[in-house]
Amino acid sequence: MKILVASHSYIVDLNCEKLRTLAQLEPNIEVTVVVPRRWRPGGVQNRIIETQPREEGSFRVVPVSNFSEN
């Protein structure tokens, strides 16, 4: 089974834990997460978050260019 998730929330590595766990449940499960390459969270967090591509077994994070700041 292939699962594709697109969300700015998963730009933070800690937020990916449940998706990593899902990818490890069975050998035929592949999870790909599409996140913005750069994100400005706003509020009290005033720094821009940037991410890099990651691949850990059947779990992948794919950053894509985005036009929105948030």
C-alpha atoms as a PDB file:
ATOM      1  CA  MET A   1       0.000   0.000   0.000  1.00  0.00           C
ATOM      2  CA  LYS A   2       1.297   3.443  -0.884  1.00  0.00           C
ATOM      3  CA  ILE A   3       0.239   6.417   1.235  1.00  0.00           C
ATOM      4  CA  LEU A   4       0.787  10.048   0.236  1.00  0.00           C
ATOM      5  CA  VAL A   5       0.387  12.821   2.819  1.00  0.00           C
ATOM      6  CA  ALA A   6       0.684  16.538   2.019  1.00  0.00           C
ATOM      7  CA  SER A   7       0.876  18.870   5.019  1.00  0.00           C
ATOM      8  CA  HIS A   8       2.962  21.730   6.351  1.00  0.00           C
ATOM      9  CA  SER A   9       2.725  20.200   9.847  1.00  0.00           C
ATOM     10  CA  TYR A  10       5.158  17.447   8.911  1.00  0.00           C
ATOM     11  CA  ILE A  11       7.974  19.864   8.095  1.00  0.00           C
ATOM     12  CA  VAL A  12       8.884  19.412  11.801  1.00  0.00           C
ATOM     13  CA  ASP A  13      10.613  16.047  12.239  1.00  0.00           C
ATOM     14  CA  LEU A  14       8.960  15.297  15.592  1.00  0.00           C
ATOM     15  CA  ASN A  15       5.512  15.497  13.980  1.00  0.00           C
ATOM     16  CA  CYS A  16       6.454  12.658  11.587  1.00  0.00           C
ATOM     17  CA  GLU A  17       6.702   9.971  14.283  1.00  0.00           C
ATOM     18  CA  LYS A  18       3.210   8.519  13.737  1.00  0.00           C
ATOM     19  CA  LEU A  19       3.804   8.330   9.975  1.00  0.00           C
ATOM     20  CA  ARG A  20       7.178   6.624  10.512  1.00  0.00           C
ATOM     21  CA  THR A  21       5.436   4.097  12.747  1.00  0.00           C
ATOM     22  CA  LEU A  22       2.773   3.534  10.086  1.00  0.00           C
ATOM     23  CA  ALA A  23       5.492   2.848   7.492  1.00  0.00           C
ATOM     24  CA  GLN A  24       6.986   0.183   9.782  1.00  0.00           C
ATOM     25  CA  LEU A  25       3.752  -1.744  10.408  1.00  0.00           C
ATOM     26  CA  GLU A  26       4.121  -4.005   7.377  1.00  0.00           C
ATOM     27  CA  PRO A  27       6.787  -4.384   4.695  1.00  0.00           C
ATOM     28  CA  ASN A  28       4.400  -3.431   1.876  1.00  0.00           C
ATOM     29  CA  ILE A  29       3.456  -0.028   3.352  1.00  0.00           C
ATOM     30  CA  GLU A  30       5.233   3.001   1.855  1.00  0.00           C
ATOM     31  CA  VAL A  31       4.599   6.472   3.267  1.00  0.00           C
ATOM     32  CA  THR A  32       5.588   9.602   1.341  1.00  0.00           C
ATOM     33  CA  VAL A  33       5.111  12.995   2.970  1.00  0.00           C
ATOM     34  CA  VAL A  34       5.105  16.139   0.827  1.00  0.00           C
ATOM     35  CA  VAL A  35       6.012  19.283   2.781  1.00  0.00           C
ATOM     36  CA  PRO A  36       6.882  22.876   1.855  1.00  0.00           C
ATOM     37  CA  ARG A  37      10.602  23.451   1.363  1.00  0.00           C
ATOM     38  CA  ARG A  38      10.353  26.658   3.461  1.00  0.00           C
ATOM     39  CA  TRP A  39       7.694  27.662   5.984  1.00  0.00           C
ATOM     40  CA  ARG A  40       7.206  30.728   8.159  1.00  0.00           C
ATOM     41  CA  PRO A  41       4.999  29.568  11.038  1.00  0.00           C
ATOM     42  CA  GLY A  42       3.932  32.983  12.342  1.00  0.00           C
ATOM     43  CA  GLY A  43       2.750  33.710  15.861  1.00  0.00           C
ATOM     44  CA  VAL A  44       5.447  33.379  18.510  1.00  0.00           C
ATOM     45  CA  GLN A  45       7.679  31.360  16.180  1.00  0.00           C
ATOM     46  CA  ASN A  46       9.390  33.951  14.046  1.00  0.00           C
ATOM     47  CA  ARG A  47      12.027  31.895  12.239  1.00  0.00           C
ATOM     48  CA  ILE A  48      11.693  30.299   8.828  1.00  0.00           C
ATOM     49  CA  ILE A  49      11.742  26.506   8.906  1.00  0.00           C
ATOM     50  CA  GLU A  50      13.524  24.776   6.028  1.00  0.00           C
ATOM     51  CA  THR A  51      13.613  21.070   5.347  1.00  0.00           C
ATOM     52  CA  GLN A  52      15.684  18.625   3.336  1.00  0.00           C
ATOM     53  CA  PRO A  53      14.618  15.417   1.590  1.00  0.00           C
ATOM     54  CA  ARG A  54      14.779  12.353   3.835  1.00  0.00           C
ATOM     55  CA  GLU A  55      14.408   8.658   3.187  1.00  0.00           C
ATOM     56  CA  GLU A  56      14.290   6.132   6.003  1.00  0.00           C
ATOM     57  CA  GLY A  57      13.348   2.720   4.661  1.00  0.00           C
ATOM     58  CA  SER A  58       9.758   2.928   3.422  1.00  0.00           C
ATOM     59  CA  PHE A  59       9.256   6.447   4.850  1.00  0.00           C
ATOM     60  CA  ARG A  60      10.143   9.504   2.728  1.00  0.00           C
ATOM     61  CA  VAL A  61       9.851  13.265   3.153  1.00  0.00           C
ATOM     62  CA  VAL A  62       9.754  15.223  -0.112  1.00  0.00           C
ATOM     63  CA  PRO A  63      10.073  19.030   0.164  1.00  0.00           C
ATOM     64  CA  VAL A  64       8.472  21.006  -2.666  1.00  0.00           C
ATOM     65  CA  SER A  65       8.679  24.676  -3.555  1.00  0.00           C
ATOM     66  CA  ASN A  66       5.736  26.713  -2.352  1.00  0.00           C
ATOM     67  CA  PHE A  67       4.559  30.232  -3.083  1.00  0.00           C
ATOM     68  CA  SER A  68       2.788  30.893   0.212  1.00  0.00           C
ATOM     69  CA  GLU A  69       4.662  31.998   3.320  1.00  0.00           C
ATOM     70  CA  ASN A  70       1.953  30.449   5.522  1.00  0.00           C
END
